[in-house]
């Protein structure tokens, strides 16, 4: 007779501290995914999803790198389970990308003239006062702001 796996995931120490916040953000993500997008542009329907993904990733990043409240084991477990965006966090560790909102804003293939998004331009260098990113809806994620 084959063995039956009972509890497939073993949670590391400290999981009970971050689990309520992650479950709340997970439920918000489900609501954003199932939310009807009547009357919105196609790109506007994805903005709440990008925002919640940023919140989840920033929460774990701050807990591990800034406040040092969680262990490396728990941090790696959360990244492996998909609770945060590993590539976005890797960019936050590099100088100039500390406030990056999403990875779409720095991908040159998604923009005209092979440049980055307009939200990456510092506020004091912009000609227009209000800029809203087409990809994620942010109003500015340059590190110099």
Protein backbone atom coordinates (compact mmCIF):
# COMPACT_ATOMS: atom_id res chain seq x y z
CA UNK A 1 0.00 0.00 0.00
CA UNK A 2 1.45 3.46 -0.90
CA UNK A 3 2.28 5.93 1.82
CA UNK A 4 0.00 8.91 2.22
CA UNK A 5 1.57 12.28 2.95
CA UNK A 6 -0.26 13.97 5.77
CA UNK A 7 1.20 17.41 6.29
CA UNK A 8 3.33 18.25 3.27
CA UNK A 9 4.61 21.60 4.47
CA UNK A 10 6.65 21.99 7.62
CA UNK A 11 6.64 25.61 8.75
CA UNK A 12 9.83 27.06 10.25
CA UNK A 13 10.01 28.79 13.63
CA UNK A 14 8.46 32.25 13.59
CA UNK A 15 5.80 31.42 11.00
CA UNK A 16 3.00 32.12 13.48
CA UNK A 17 4.23 35.73 13.77
CA UNK A 18 3.93 36.57 10.06
CA UNK A 19 1.12 34.20 9.10
CA UNK A 20 -1.82 36.52 9.94
CA UNK A 21 -0.45 39.35 7.80
CA UNK A 22 0.39 37.06 4.90
CA UNK A 23 -3.03 35.41 5.02
CA UNK A 24 -4.72 38.83 5.03
CA UNK A 25 -2.66 39.92 2.01
CA UNK A 26 -3.44 36.59 0.33
CA UNK A 27 -7.18 37.16 0.78
CA UNK A 28 -6.83 40.70 -0.60
CA UNK A 29 -5.01 39.25 -3.60
CA UNK A 30 -7.87 36.80 -4.22
CA UNK A 31 -10.39 39.66 -4.06
CA UNK A 32 -8.32 41.72 -6.50
CA UNK A 33 -8.04 38.79 -8.90
CA UNK A 34 -11.80 38.12 -8.81
CA UNK A 35 -12.84 41.78 -8.86
CA UNK A 36 -14.79 42.69 -12.02
CA UNK A 37 -13.04 45.17 -14.26
CA UNK A 38 -16.03 46.66 -16.01
CA UNK A 39 -15.36 50.16 -17.26
CA UNK A 40 -11.60 49.93 -16.65
CA UNK A 41 -8.82 49.76 -19.17
CA UNK A 42 -7.12 46.38 -19.52
CA UNK A 43 -3.99 47.59 -17.73
CA UNK A 44 -5.97 49.23 -14.90
CA UNK A 45 -7.46 45.88 -13.93
CA UNK A 46 -3.98 44.62 -13.01
CA UNK A 47 -2.96 47.61 -10.85
CA UNK A 48 -4.40 46.26 -7.56
CA UNK A 49 -2.62 42.95 -8.13
CA UNK A 50 0.74 44.69 -8.63
CA UNK A 51 0.12 46.81 -5.54
CA UNK A 52 -0.62 43.82 -3.29
CA UNK A 53 2.36 41.91 -4.69
CA UNK A 54 4.53 44.90 -3.80
CA UNK A 55 3.06 45.03 -0.28
CA UNK A 56 3.73 41.34 0.37
CA UNK A 57 7.28 41.54 -0.91
CA UNK A 58 8.06 44.77 0.97
CA UNK A 59 6.65 43.32 4.20
CA UNK A 60 9.00 40.33 4.11
CA UNK A 61 11.92 42.46 2.90
CA UNK A 62 11.50 44.88 5.80
CA UNK A 63 11.15 42.08 8.35
CA UNK A 64 14.33 40.37 7.19
CA UNK A 65 16.69 43.13 6.06
CA UNK A 66 15.63 46.25 7.98
CA UNK A 67 14.11 45.07 11.27
CA UNK A 68 15.83 41.64 11.39
CA UNK A 69 12.81 40.04 13.06
CA UNK A 70 12.68 36.81 11.06
CA UNK A 71 15.31 34.15 10.46
CA UNK A 72 16.95 33.41 7.14
CA UNK A 73 15.27 30.00 7.14
CA UNK A 74 11.81 31.57 7.42
CA UNK A 75 12.68 34.22 4.82
CA UNK A 76 13.85 31.59 2.31
CA UNK A 77 10.79 29.46 3.07
CA UNK A 78 8.48 32.41 2.25
CA UNK A 79 10.32 33.07 -1.01
CA UNK A 80 10.21 29.40 -1.98
CA UNK A 81 6.47 29.17 -1.21
CA UNK A 82 5.74 32.25 -3.38
CA UNK A 83 4.73 34.64 -0.63
CA UNK A 84 7.05 37.33 -2.07
CA UNK A 85 8.64 38.21 -5.41
CA UNK A 86 12.29 37.08 -5.27
CA UNK A 87 13.35 39.11 -8.33
CA UNK A 88 11.79 42.33 -7.06
CA UNK A 89 13.52 41.95 -3.70
CA UNK A 90 16.82 41.33 -5.49
CA UNK A 91 16.42 44.67 -7.28
CA UNK A 92 15.62 46.49 -4.00
CA UNK A 93 19.03 45.48 -2.67
CA UNK A 94 20.82 47.30 -5.52
CA UNK A 95 21.54 51.04 -5.31
CA UNK A 96 19.07 53.15 -7.29
CA UNK A 97 16.26 50.60 -7.07
CA UNK A 98 15.31 50.92 -3.39
CA UNK A 99 11.78 52.16 -4.15
CA UNK A 100 11.06 50.16 -7.31
CA UNK A 101 7.34 49.41 -7.64
CA UNK A 102 7.41 46.53 -10.13
CA UNK A 103 9.74 44.86 -12.58
CA UNK A 104 7.75 46.07 -15.60
CA UNK A 105 8.95 49.61 -14.98
CA UNK A 106 12.60 48.75 -15.62
CA UNK A 107 12.16 46.34 -18.55
CA UNK A 108 13.23 48.23 -21.65
CA UNK A 109 11.37 45.96 -24.07
CA UNK A 110 8.02 47.21 -22.70
CA UNK A 111 8.67 50.90 -23.45
CA UNK A 112 9.21 53.16 -26.42
CA UNK A 113 12.80 53.93 -27.45
CA UNK A 114 14.16 51.13 -25.20
CA UNK A 115 14.01 53.23 -22.03
CA UNK A 116 12.45 52.70 -18.62
CA UNK A 117 9.07 53.86 -17.34
CA UNK A 118 8.33 57.54 -16.72
CA UNK A 119 7.70 56.82 -13.05
CA UNK A 120 11.44 56.08 -12.70
CA UNK A 121 12.33 59.72 -13.44
CA UNK A 122 12.92 61.80 -10.26
CA UNK A 123 10.23 64.37 -9.52
CA UNK A 124 12.55 67.35 -9.81
CA UNK A 125 13.51 66.35 -13.39
CA UNK A 126 9.96 65.84 -14.68
CA UNK A 127 8.30 68.41 -16.90
CA UNK A 128 4.84 67.20 -15.96
CA UNK A 129 3.79 67.19 -12.33
CA UNK A 130 1.55 64.11 -12.22
CA UNK A 131 2.73 60.92 -13.92
CA UNK A 132 0.94 57.61 -13.57
CA UNK A 133 2.62 54.41 -14.68
CA UNK A 134 0.71 52.50 -17.33
CA UNK A 135 1.88 49.10 -16.09
CA UNK A 136 1.24 49.32 -12.34
CA UNK A 137 -0.34 52.71 -11.62
CA UNK A 138 2.44 54.09 -9.41
CA UNK A 139 3.07 57.80 -9.34
CA UNK A 140 6.84 57.64 -8.92
CA UNK A 141 9.34 55.08 -7.72
CA UNK A 142 12.64 56.79 -8.40
CA UNK A 143 15.14 56.55 -5.55
CA UNK A 144 15.92 60.27 -5.70
CA UNK A 145 12.35 61.37 -4.84
